Amino acid sequence: MPKFLVEASYTPEGLKGLMKEGGTGRREAIAAAAKSLGGKVEGMYFAFGKHDVVVIMDIPDNVTAAAMALAVNASGGAVTRTTTLLTPEEVDQAIKKTVKYRAPGKG
């Protein structure tokens, strides 16, 4: 199943919810959302810096990952950035593909 990295930053409203539910409450809510889409949370961490939360999750496909991102962002509690993750084996497969590409300004 494809893996996705989700980086989230809480809005002031979302921080109020976090203070009420706690970190484990948010982990349970995120795990339940992933499960409802046929996925699962591999790991979740709160962080200092640009993002408040980092989650690695298995989600069935890009469309489902987009549905998750849309739902979270529409909630108003957080703003997310979702990145598709590739395994080393997938990179090996990509390297073997032939791509007919010409860089700008090159013959």
PDB file of N, CA and C in Angstrom:
ATOM      1  N   MET A   1       0.857  -1.173   0.000  1.00  0.00           N
ATOM      2  CA  MET A   1       0.000   0.000   0.000  1.00  0.00           C
ATOM      3  C   MET A   1       0.907   1.241   0.000  1.00  0.00           C
ATOM      4  N   PRO A   2       0.574   2.243  -0.792  1.00  0.00           N
ATOM      5  CA  PRO A   2       1.391   3.454  -0.847  1.00  0.00           C
ATOM      6  C   PRO A   2       1.479   4.159   0.510  1.00  0.00           C
ATOM      7  N   LYS A   3       2.638   4.763   0.748  1.00  0.00           N
ATOM      8  CA  LYS A   3       2.863   5.514   1.980  1.00  0.00           C
ATOM      9  C   LYS A   3       2.853   7.006   1.679  1.00  0.00           C
ATOM     10  N   PHE A   4       2.352   7.764   2.642  1.00  0.00           N
ATOM     11  CA  PHE A   4       2.289   9.213   2.512  1.00  0.00           C
ATOM     12  C   PHE A   4       2.813   9.849   3.787  1.00  0.00           C
ATOM     13  N   LEU A   5       3.528  10.946   3.610  1.00  0.00           N
ATOM     14  CA  LEU A   5       3.968  11.780   4.721  1.00  0.00           C
ATOM     15  C   LEU A   5       3.018  12.963   4.791  1.00  0.00           C
ATOM     16  N   VAL A   6       2.394  13.147   5.929  1.00  0.00           N
ATOM     17  CA  VAL A   6       1.488  14.282   6.120  1.00  0.00           C
ATOM     18  C   VAL A   6       2.111  15.188   7.183  1.00  0.00           C
ATOM     19  N   GLU A   7       2.332  16.440   6.803  1.00  0.00           N
ATOM     20  CA  GLU A   7       2.834  17.444   7.724  1.00  0.00           C
ATOM     21  C   GLU A   7       1.676  18.399   7.989  1.00  0.00           C
ATOM     22  N   ALA A   8       1.360  18.611   9.256  1.00  0.00           N
ATOM     23  CA  ALA A   8       0.206  19.435   9.603  1.00  0.00           C
ATOM     24  C   ALA A   8       0.607  20.558  10.545  1.00  0.00           C
ATOM     25  N   SER A   9      -0.027  21.694  10.337  1.00  0.00           N
ATOM     26  CA  SER A   9       0.124  22.842  11.223  1.00  0.00           C
ATOM     27  C   SER A   9      -1.264  23.198  11.746  1.00  0.00           C
ATOM     28  N   TYR A  10      -1.390  23.248  13.066  1.00  0.00           N
ATOM     29  CA  TYR A  10      -2.671  23.568  13.668  1.00  0.00           C
ATOM     30  C   TYR A  10      -3.017  25.036  13.495  1.00  0.00           C
ATOM     31  N   THR A  11      -4.294  25.296  13.295  1.00  0.00           N
ATOM     32  CA  THR A  11      -4.820  26.660  13.344  1.00  0.00           C
ATOM     33  C   THR A  11      -5.069  26.973  14.825  1.00  0.00           C
ATOM     34  N   PRO A  12      -5.325  28.229  15.178  1.00  0.00           N
ATOM     35  CA  PRO A  12      -5.663  28.518  16.578  1.00  0.00           C
ATOM     36  C   PRO A  12      -6.849  27.675  17.082  1.00  0.00           C
ATOM     37  N   GLU A  13      -7.847  27.480  16.224  1.00  0.00           N
ATOM     38  CA  GLU A  13      -8.992  26.642  16.597  1.00  0.00           C
ATOM     39  C   GLU A  13      -8.547  25.192  16.835  1.00  0.00           C
ATOM     40  N   GLY A  14      -7.672  24.690  15.966  1.00  0.00           N
ATOM     41  CA  GLY A  14      -7.169  23.334  16.125  1.00  0.00           C
ATOM     42  C   GLY A  14      -6.345  23.160  17.387  1.00  0.00           C
ATOM     43  N   LEU A  15      -5.566  24.170  17.747  1.00  0.00           N
ATOM     44  CA  LEU A  15      -4.783  24.108  18.984  1.00  0.00           C
ATOM     45  C   LEU A  15      -5.687  24.025  20.207  1.00  0.00           C
ATOM     46  N   LYS A  16      -6.810  24.734  20.178  1.00  0.00           N
ATOM     47  CA  LYS A  16      -7.764  24.647  21.281  1.00  0.00           C
ATOM     48  C   LYS A  16      -8.298  23.222  21.411  1.00  0.00           C
ATOM     49  N   GLY A  17      -8.573  22.587  20.267  1.00  0.00           N
ATOM     50  CA  GLY A  17      -9.032  21.203  20.280  1.00  0.00           C
ATOM     51  C   GLY A  17      -7.967  20.252  20.802  1.00  0.00           C
ATOM     52  N   LEU A  18      -6.713  20.482  20.400  1.00  0.00           N
ATOM     53  CA  LEU A  18      -5.607  19.659  20.888  1.00  0.00           C
ATOM     54  C   LEU A  18      -5.483  19.789  22.406  1.00  0.00           C
ATOM     55  N   MET A  19      -5.585  20.997  22.921  1.00  0.00           N
ATOM     56  CA  MET A  19      -5.487  21.214  24.359  1.00  0.00           C
ATOM     57  C   MET A  19      -6.609  20.486  25.107  1.00  0.00           C
ATOM     58  N   LYS A  20      -7.755  20.369  24.477  1.00  0.00           N
ATOM     59  CA  LYS A  20      -8.899  19.696  25.094  1.00  0.00           C
ATOM     60  C   LYS A  20      -8.758  18.168  25.021  1.00  0.00           C
ATOM     61  N   GLU A  21      -8.345  17.645  23.848  1.00  0.00           N
ATOM     62  CA  GLU A  21      -8.293  16.192  23.628  1.00  0.00           C
ATOM     63  C   GLU A  21      -6.969  15.553  24.004  1.00  0.00           C
ATOM     64  N   GLY A  22      -5.896  16.329  23.944  1.00  0.00           N
ATOM     65  CA  GLY A  22      -4.567  15.776  24.185  1.00  0.00           C
ATOM     66  C   GLY A  22      -4.004  15.103  22.943  1.00  0.00           C
ATOM     67  N   GLY A  23      -2.734  14.799  23.007  1.00  0.00           N
ATOM     68  CA  GLY A  23      -2.041  14.180  21.877  1.00  0.00           C
ATOM     69  C   GLY A  23      -2.555  12.798  21.539  1.00  0.00           C
ATOM     70  N   THR A  24      -2.831  12.003  22.554  1.00  0.00           N
ATOM     71  CA  THR A  24      -3.318  10.641  22.279  1.00  0.00           C
ATOM     72  C   THR A  24      -4.711  10.664  21.678  1.00  0.00           C
ATOM     73  N   GLY A  25      -5.507  11.650  22.076  1.00  0.00           N
ATOM     74  CA  GLY A  25      -6.834  11.789  21.476  1.00  0.00           C
ATOM     75  C   GLY A  25      -6.753  12.112  19.995  1.00  0.00           C
ATOM     76  N   ARG A  26      -5.816  12.979  19.636  1.00  0.00           N
ATOM     77  CA  ARG A  26      -5.636  13.309  18.216  1.00  0.00           C
ATOM     78  C   ARG A  26      -5.105  12.107  17.453  1.00  0.00           C
ATOM     79  N   ARG A  27      -4.183  11.355  18.061  1.00  0.00           N
ATOM     80  CA  ARG A  27      -3.662  10.155  17.394  1.00  0.00           C
ATOM     81  C   ARG A  27      -4.797   9.175  17.107  1.00  0.00           C
ATOM     82  N   GLU A  28      -5.679   8.982  18.066  1.00  0.00           N
ATOM     83  CA  GLU A  28      -6.815   8.074  17.873  1.00  0.00           C
ATOM     84  C   GLU A  28      -7.731   8.571  16.755  1.00  0.00           C
ATOM     85  N   ALA A  29      -7.982   9.884  16.706  1.00  0.00           N
ATOM     86  CA  ALA A  29      -8.854  10.445  15.669  1.00  0.00           C
ATOM     87  C   ALA A  29      -8.239  10.283  14.283  1.00  0.00           C
ATOM     88  N   ILE A  30      -6.944  10.510  14.168  1.00  0.00           N
ATOM     89  CA  ILE A  30      -6.263  10.381  12.872  1.00  0.00           C
ATOM     90  C   ILE A  30      -6.224   8.918  12.442  1.00  0.00           C
ATOM     91  N   ALA A  31      -5.951   8.022  13.397  1.00  0.00           N
ATOM     92  CA  ALA A  31      -5.943   6.589  13.074  1.00  0.00           C
ATOM     93  C   ALA A  31      -7.325   6.133  12.616  1.00  0.00           C
ATOM     94  N   ALA A  32      -8.375   6.632  13.271  1.00  0.00           N
ATOM     95  CA  ALA A  32      -9.749   6.260  12.878  1.00  0.00           C
ATOM     96  C   ALA A  32     -10.073   6.780  11.484  1.00  0.00           C
ATOM     97  N   ALA A  33      -9.626   7.997  11.159  1.00  0.00           N
ATOM     98  CA  ALA A  33      -9.881   8.553   9.825  1.00  0.00           C
ATOM     99  C   ALA A  33      -9.171   7.718   8.762  1.00  0.00           C
ATOM    100  N   ALA A  34      -7.910   7.361   9.025  1.00  0.00           N
ATOM    101  CA  ALA A  34      -7.160   6.535   8.058  1.00  0.00           C
ATOM    102  C   ALA A  34      -7.837   5.178   7.886  1.00  0.00           C
ATOM    103  N   LYS A  35      -8.257   4.575   8.993  1.00  0.00           N
ATOM    104  CA  LYS A  35      -8.923   3.266   8.933  1.00  0.00           C
ATOM    105  C   LYS A  35     -10.220   3.346   8.136  1.00  0.00           C
ATOM    106  N   SER A  36     -10.958   4.456   8.277  1.00  0.00           N
ATOM    107  CA  SER A  36     -12.224   4.601   7.551  1.00  0.00           C
ATOM    108  C   SER A  36     -12.010   4.636   6.038  1.00  0.00           C
ATOM    109  N   LEU A  37     -10.783   4.936   5.626  1.00  0.00           N
ATOM    110  CA  LEU A  37     -10.444   4.984   4.202  1.00  0.00           C
ATOM    111  C   LEU A  37      -9.696   3.728   3.737  1.00  0.00           C
ATOM    112  N   GLY A  38      -9.596   2.739   4.609  1.00  0.00           N
ATOM    113  CA  GLY A  38      -8.890   1.511   4.252  1.00  0.00           C
ATOM    114  C   GLY A  38      -7.396   1.608   4.466  1.00  0.00           C
ATOM    115  N   GLY A  39      -6.956   2.591   5.248  1.00  0.00           N
ATOM    116  CA  GLY A  39      -5.528   2.778   5.494  1.00  0.00           C
ATOM    117  C   GLY A  39      -5.189   2.604   6.956  1.00  0.00           C
ATOM    118  N   LYS A  40      -3.950   2.978   7.310  1.00  0.00           N
ATOM    119  CA  LYS A  40      -3.530   2.913   8.704  1.00  0.00           C
ATOM    120  C   LYS A  40      -2.384   3.891   8.936  1.00  0.00           C
ATOM    121  N   VAL A  41      -2.253   4.289  10.186  1.00  0.00           N
ATOM    122  CA  VAL A  41      -1.165   5.179  10.580  1.00  0.00           C
ATOM    123  C   VAL A  41       0.033   4.325  10.973  1.00  0.00           C
ATOM    124  N   GLU A  42       1.171   4.585  10.343  1.00  0.00           N
ATOM    125  CA  GLU A  42       2.404   3.879  10.694  1.00  0.00           C
ATOM    126  C   GLU A  42       3.079   4.560  11.877  1.00  0.00           C
ATOM    127  N   GLY A  43       3.059   5.880  11.887  1.00  0.00           N
ATOM    128  CA  GLY A  43       3.663   6.623  12.979  1.00  0.00           C
ATOM    129  C   GLY A  43       3.160   8.052  12.986  1.00  0.00           C
ATOM    130  N   MET A  44       3.106   8.636  14.185  1.00  0.00           N
ATOM    131  CA  MET A  44       2.663  10.021  14.321  1.00  0.00           C
ATOM    132  C   MET A  44       3.503  10.675  15.393  1.00  0.00           C
ATOM    133  N   TYR A  45       3.978  11.869  15.090  1.00  0.00           N
ATOM    134  CA  TYR A  45       4.827  12.590  16.022  1.00  0.00           C
ATOM    135  C   TYR A  45       4.445  14.058  16.057  1.00  0.00           C
ATOM    136  N   PHE A  46       4.462  14.638  17.238  1.00  0.00           N
ATOM    137  CA  PHE A  46       4.335  16.079  17.372  1.00  0.00           C
ATOM    138  C   PHE A  46       5.739  16.648  17.239  1.00  0.00           C
ATOM    139  N   ALA A  47       5.836  17.877  16.720  1.00  0.00           N
ATOM    140  CA  ALA A  47       7.150  18.418  16.395  1.00  0.00           C
ATOM    141  C   ALA A  47       7.224  19.907  16.712  1.00  0.00           C
ATOM    142  N   PHE A  48       8.450  20.372  16.915  1.00  0.00           N
ATOM    143  CA  PHE A  48       8.737  21.800  16.987  1.00  0.00           C
ATOM    144  C   PHE A  48       9.082  22.245  15.581  1.00  0.00           C
ATOM    145  N   GLY A  49       8.873  23.488  15.266  1.00  0.00           N
ATOM    146  CA  GLY A  49       9.290  23.998  13.967  1.00  0.00           C
ATOM    147  C   GLY A  49       8.119  24.379  13.091  1.00  0.00           C
ATOM    148  N   LYS A  50       8.316  24.242  11.791  1.00  0.00           N
ATOM    149  CA  LYS A  50       7.323  24.685  10.806  1.00  0.00           C
ATOM    150  C   LYS A  50       6.001  23.930  10.932  1.00  0.00           C
ATOM    151  N   HIS A  51       6.065  22.646  11.249  1.00  0.00           N
ATOM    152  CA  HIS A  51       4.853  21.823  11.355  1.00  0.00           C
ATOM    153  C   HIS A  51       4.687  21.325  12.783  1.00  0.00           C
ATOM    154  N   ASP A  52       3.447  21.210  13.202  1.00  0.00           N
ATOM    155  CA  ASP A  52       3.130  20.750  14.555  1.00  0.00           C
ATOM    156  C   ASP A  52       3.051  19.236  14.668  1.00  0.00           C
ATOM    157  N   VAL A  53       2.682  18.593  13.566  1.00  0.00           N
ATOM    158  CA  VAL A  53       2.470  17.142  13.554  1.00  0.00           C
ATOM    159  C   VAL A  53       3.032  16.565  12.270  1.00  0.00           C
ATOM    160  N   VAL A  54       3.651  15.383  12.398  1.00  0.00           N
ATOM    161  CA  VAL A  54       4.136  14.633  11.241  1.00  0.00           C
ATOM    162  C   VAL A  54       3.545  13.229  11.346  1.00  0.00           C
ATOM    163  N   VAL A  55       2.903  12.786  10.267  1.00  0.00           N
ATOM    164  CA  VAL A  55       2.266  11.464  10.256  1.00  0.00           C
ATOM    165  C   VAL A  55       2.729  10.709   9.020  1.00  0.00           C
ATOM    166  N   ILE A  56       3.092   9.445   9.202  1.00  0.00           N
ATOM    167  CA  ILE A  56       3.343   8.553   8.067  1.00  0.00           C
ATOM    168  C   ILE A  56       2.206   7.550   8.068  1.00  0.00           C
ATOM    169  N   MET A  57       1.523   7.482   6.922  1.00  0.00           N
ATOM    170  CA  MET A  57       0.379   6.580   6.853  1.00  0.00           C
ATOM    171  C   MET A  57       0.349   5.797   5.547  1.00  0.00           C
ATOM    172  N   ASP A  58      -0.244   4.635   5.631  1.00  0.00           N
ATOM    173  CA  ASP A  58      -0.522   3.811   4.455  1.00  0.00           C
ATOM    174  C   ASP A  58      -1.945   4.142   4.030  1.00  0.00           C
ATOM    175  N   ILE A  59      -2.083   4.560   2.782  1.00  0.00           N
ATOM    176  CA  ILE A  59      -3.398   4.909   2.224  1.00  0.00           C
ATOM    177  C   ILE A  59      -3.500   4.206   0.869  1.00  0.00           C
ATOM    178  N   PRO A  60      -4.663   3.675   0.507  1.00  0.00           N
ATOM    179  CA  PRO A  60      -4.771   2.859  -0.703  1.00  0.00           C
ATOM    180  C   PRO A  60      -4.288   3.505  -2.001  1.00  0.00           C
ATOM    181  N   ASP A  61      -4.499   4.819  -2.197  1.00  0.00           N
ATOM    182  CA  ASP A  61      -4.118   5.431  -3.475  1.00  0.00           C
ATOM    183  C   ASP A  61      -4.128   6.948  -3.345  1.00  0.00           C
ATOM    184  N   ASN A  62      -3.708   7.629  -4.410  1.00  0.00           N
ATOM    185  CA  ASN A  62      -3.630   9.091  -4.415  1.00  0.00           C
ATOM    186  C   ASN A  62      -4.988   9.757  -4.219  1.00  0.00           C
ATOM    187  N   VAL A  63      -6.022   9.208  -4.831  1.00  0.00           N
ATOM    188  CA  VAL A  63      -7.359   9.796  -4.709  1.00  0.00           C
ATOM    189  C   VAL A  63      -7.819   9.742  -3.252  1.00  0.00           C
ATOM    190  N   THR A  64      -7.571   8.635  -2.595  1.00  0.00           N
ATOM    191  CA  THR A  64      -7.955   8.491  -1.194  1.00  0.00           C
ATOM    192  C   THR A  64      -7.127   9.424  -0.313  1.00  0.00           C
ATOM    193  N   ALA A  65      -5.845   9.560  -0.612  1.00  0.00           N
ATOM    194  CA  ALA A  65      -5.003  10.498   0.137  1.00  0.00           C
ATOM    195  C   ALA A  65      -5.499  11.930  -0.057  1.00  0.00           C
ATOM    196  N   ALA A  66      -5.929  12.259  -1.264  1.00  0.00           N
ATOM    197  CA  ALA A  66      -6.482  13.589  -1.524  1.00  0.00           C
ATOM    198  C   ALA A  66      -7.769  13.804  -0.733  1.00  0.00           C
ATOM    199  N   ALA A  67      -8.606  12.776  -0.642  1.00  0.00           N
ATOM    200  CA  ALA A  67      -9.842  12.875   0.136  1.00  0.00           C
ATOM    201  C   ALA A  67      -9.533  13.177   1.601  1.00  0.00           C
ATOM    202  N   MET A  68      -8.523  12.513   2.134  1.00  0.00           N
ATOM    203  CA  MET A  68      -8.114  12.748   3.518  1.00  0.00           C
ATOM    204  C   MET A  68      -7.630  14.188   3.687  1.00  0.00           C
ATOM    205  N   ALA A  69      -6.770  14.643   2.784  1.00  0.00           N
ATOM    206  CA  ALA A  69      -6.239  16.004   2.866  1.00  0.00           C
ATOM    207  C   ALA A  69      -7.354  17.039   2.767  1.00  0.00           C
ATOM    208  N   LEU A  70      -8.282  16.829   1.860  1.00  0.00           N
ATOM    209  CA  LEU A  70      -9.398  17.764   1.706  1.00  0.00           C
ATOM    210  C   LEU A  70     -10.253  17.831   2.971  1.00  0.00           C
ATOM    211  N   ALA A  71     -10.528  16.678   3.559  1.00  0.00           N
ATOM    212  CA  ALA A  71     -11.355  16.642   4.767  1.00  0.00           C
ATOM    213  C   ALA A  71     -10.663  17.354   5.929  1.00  0.00           C
ATOM    214  N   VAL A  72      -9.377  17.099   6.109  1.00  0.00           N
ATOM    215  CA  VAL A  72      -8.648  17.722   7.216  1.00  0.00           C
ATOM    216  C   VAL A  72      -8.561  19.227   7.008  1.00  0.00           C
ATOM    217  N   ASN A  73      -8.189  19.660   5.814  1.00  0.00           N
ATOM    218  CA  ASN A  73      -8.056  21.085   5.555  1.00  0.00           C
ATOM    219  C   ASN A  73      -9.406  21.804   5.644  1.00  0.00           C
ATOM    220  N   ALA A  74     -10.465  21.154   5.178  1.00  0.00           N
ATOM    221  CA  ALA A  74     -11.795  21.764   5.228  1.00  0.00           C
ATOM    222  C   ALA A  74     -12.317  21.887   6.659  1.00  0.00           C
ATOM    223  N   SER A  75     -11.797  21.087   7.569  1.00  0.00           N
ATOM    224  CA  SER A  75     -12.265  21.125   8.954  1.00  0.00           C
ATOM    225  C   SER A  75     -11.913  22.432   9.652  1.00  0.00           C
ATOM    226  N   GLY A  76     -10.886  23.102   9.167  1.00  0.00           N
ATOM    227  CA  GLY A  76     -10.464  24.355   9.776  1.00  0.00           C
ATOM    228  C   GLY A  76      -9.545  24.197  10.970  1.00  0.00           C
ATOM    229  N   GLY A  77      -9.263  22.970  11.376  1.00  0.00           N
ATOM    230  CA  GLY A  77      -8.416  22.735  12.541  1.00  0.00           C
ATOM    231  C   GLY A  77      -6.932  22.641  12.235  1.00  0.00           C
ATOM    232  N   ALA A  78      -6.612  22.386  10.985  1.00  0.00           N
ATOM    233  CA  ALA A  78      -5.209  22.236  10.597  1.00  0.00           C
ATOM    234  C   ALA A  78      -5.070  22.468   9.104  1.00  0.00           C
ATOM    235  N   VAL A  79      -3.854  22.806   8.723  1.00  0.00           N
ATOM    236  CA  VAL A  79      -3.481  22.913   7.315  1.00  0.00           C
ATOM    237  C   VAL A  79      -2.433  21.840   7.078  1.00  0.00           C
ATOM    238  N   THR A  80      -2.629  21.036   6.028  1.00  0.00           N
ATOM    239  CA  THR A  80      -1.723  19.914   5.800  1.00  0.00           C
ATOM    240  C   THR A  80      -0.981  20.027   4.477  1.00  0.00           C
ATOM    241  N   ARG A  81       0.104  19.297   4.426  1.00  0.00           N
ATOM    242  CA  ARG A  81       0.878  19.105   3.200  1.00  0.00           C
ATOM    243  C   ARG A  81       1.129  17.606   3.114  1.00  0.00           C
ATOM    244  N   THR A  82       0.745  16.990   2.009  1.00  0.00           N
ATOM    245  CA  THR A  82       0.866  15.536   1.840  1.00  0.00           C
ATOM    246  C   THR A  82       1.894  15.237   0.764  1.00  0.00           C
ATOM    247  N   THR A  83       2.829  14.344   1.083  1.00  0.00           N
ATOM    248  CA  THR A  83       3.894  13.954   0.162  1.00  0.00           C
ATOM    249  C   THR A  83       3.845  12.447  -0.049  1.00  0.00           C
ATOM    250  N   THR A  84       3.868  12.025  -1.303  1.00  0.00           N
ATOM    251  CA  THR A  84       3.938  10.597  -1.612  1.00  0.00           C
ATOM    252  C   THR A  84       5.344  10.103  -1.304  1.00  0.00           C
ATOM    253  N   LEU A  85       5.436   8.972  -0.619  1.00  0.00           N
ATOM    254  CA  LEU A  85       6.733   8.378  -0.290  1.00  0.00           C
ATOM    255  C   LEU A  85       6.988   7.172  -1.181  1.00  0.00           C
ATOM    256  N   LEU A  86       8.232   7.003  -1.595  1.00  0.00           N
ATOM    257  CA  LEU A  86       8.635   5.873  -2.435  1.00  0.00           C
ATOM    258  C   LEU A  86       9.594   4.983  -1.674  1.00  0.00           C
ATOM    259  N   THR A  87       9.466   3.688  -1.866  1.00  0.00           N
ATOM    260  CA  THR A  87      10.421   2.748  -1.282  1.00  0.00           C
ATOM    261  C   THR A  87      11.688   2.726  -2.142  1.00  0.00           C
ATOM    262  N   PRO A  88      12.807   2.238  -1.605  1.00  0.00           N
ATOM    263  CA  PRO A  88      14.011   2.095  -2.428  1.00  0.00           C
ATOM    264  C   PRO A  88      13.770   1.209  -3.656  1.00  0.00           C
ATOM    265  N   GLU A  89      12.925   0.195  -3.505  1.00  0.00           N
ATOM    266  CA  GLU A  89      12.623  -0.691  -4.632  1.00  0.00           C
ATOM    267  C   GLU A  89      11.866   0.046  -5.728  1.00  0.00           C
ATOM    268  N   GLU A  90      10.969   0.932  -5.349  1.00  0.00           N
ATOM    269  CA  GLU A  90      10.241   1.727  -6.344  1.00  0.00           C
ATOM    270  C   GLU A  90      11.186   2.671  -7.082  1.00  0.00           C
ATOM    271  N   VAL A  91      12.151   3.216  -6.374  1.00  0.00           N
ATOM    272  CA  VAL A  91      13.159   4.064  -7.037  1.00  0.00           C
ATOM    273  C   VAL A  91      13.970   3.221  -8.014  1.00  0.00           C
ATOM    274  N   ASP A  92      14.333   2.000  -7.638  1.00  0.00           N
ATOM    275  CA  ASP A  92      15.047   1.100  -8.560  1.00  0.00           C
ATOM    276  C   ASP A  92      14.237   0.871  -9.830  1.00  0.00           C
ATOM    277  N   GLN A  93      12.927   0.681  -9.688  1.00  0.00           N
ATOM    278  CA  GLN A  93      12.065   0.496 -10.855  1.00  0.00           C
ATOM    279  C   GLN A  93      12.030   1.753 -11.713  1.00  0.00           C
ATOM    280  N   ALA A  94      11.976   2.901 -11.075  1.00  0.00           N
ATOM    281  CA  ALA A  94      11.932   4.171 -11.812  1.00  0.00           C
ATOM    282  C   ALA A  94      13.217   4.398 -12.604  1.00  0.00           C
ATOM    283  N   ILE A  95      14.335   4.050 -12.016  1.00  0.00           N
ATOM    284  CA  ILE A  95      15.629   4.226 -12.682  1.00  0.00           C
ATOM    285  C   ILE A  95      15.690   3.435 -13.985  1.00  0.00           C
ATOM    286  N   LYS A  96      15.028   2.294 -14.020  1.00  0.00           N
ATOM    287  CA  LYS A  96      15.075   1.409 -15.190  1.00  0.00           C
ATOM    288  C   LYS A  96      14.161   1.858 -16.329  1.00  0.00           C
ATOM    289  N   LYS A  97      13.304   2.829 -16.077  1.00  0.00           N
ATOM    290  CA  LYS A  97      12.391   3.301 -17.124  1.00  0.00           C
ATOM    291  C   LYS A  97      13.123   4.263 -18.051  1.00  0.00           C
ATOM    292  N   THR A  98      12.832   4.164 -19.326  1.00  0.00           N
ATOM    293  CA  THR A  98      13.402   5.067 -20.327  1.00  0.00           C
ATOM    294  C   THR A  98      12.458   6.249 -20.503  1.00  0.00           C
ATOM    295  N   VAL A  99      13.017   7.441 -20.368  1.00  0.00           N
ATOM    296  CA  VAL A  99      12.219   8.653 -20.506  1.00  0.00           C
ATOM    297  C   VAL A  99      12.800   9.477 -21.650  1.00  0.00           C
ATOM    298  N   LYS A 100      11.984   9.803 -22.626  1.00  0.00           N
ATOM    299  CA  LYS A 100      12.415  10.647 -23.729  1.00  0.00           C
ATOM    300  C   LYS A 100      12.102  12.097 -23.348  1.00  0.00           C
ATOM    301  N   TYR A 101      13.112  12.770 -22.817  1.00  0.00           N
ATOM    302  CA  TYR A 101      12.935  14.136 -22.314  1.00  0.00           C
ATOM    303  C   TYR A 101      14.071  15.000 -22.830  1.00  0.00           C
ATOM    304  N   ARG A 102      13.733  16.227 -23.190  1.00  0.00           N
ATOM    305  CA  ARG A 102      14.728  17.199 -23.609  1.00  0.00           C
ATOM    306  C   ARG A 102      14.642  18.385 -22.667  1.00  0.00           C
ATOM    307  N   ALA A 103      15.759  18.759 -22.062  1.00  0.00           N
ATOM    308  CA  ALA A 103      15.781  19.916 -21.177  1.00  0.00           C
ATOM    309  C   ALA A 103      15.566  21.198 -21.975  1.00  0.00           C
ATOM    310  N   PRO A 104      15.014  22.233 -21.372  1.00  0.00           N
ATOM    311  CA  PRO A 104      14.798  23.489 -22.079  1.00  0.00           C
ATOM    312  C   PRO A 104      16.105  24.040 -22.667  1.00  0.00           C
ATOM    313  N   GLY A 105      16.056  24.441 -23.915  1.00  0.00           N
ATOM    314  CA  GLY A 105      17.215  25.033 -24.564  1.00  0.00           C
ATOM    315  C   GLY A 105      18.257  24.029 -25.048  1.00  0.00           C
ATOM    316  N   LYS A 106      18.008  22.761 -24.867  1.00  0.00           N
ATOM    317  CA  LYS A 106      18.954  21.720 -25.318  1.00  0.00           C
ATOM    318  C   LYS A 106      18.444  21.105 -26.606  1.00  0.00           C
ATOM    319  N   GLY A 107      19.310  20.993 -27.579  1.00  0.00           N
ATOM    320  CA  GLY A 107      19.080  20.440 -28.907  1.00  0.00           C
ATOM    321  C   GLY A 107      17.883  19.659 -29.073  1.00  0.00           C
TER     322      GLY A 107
END
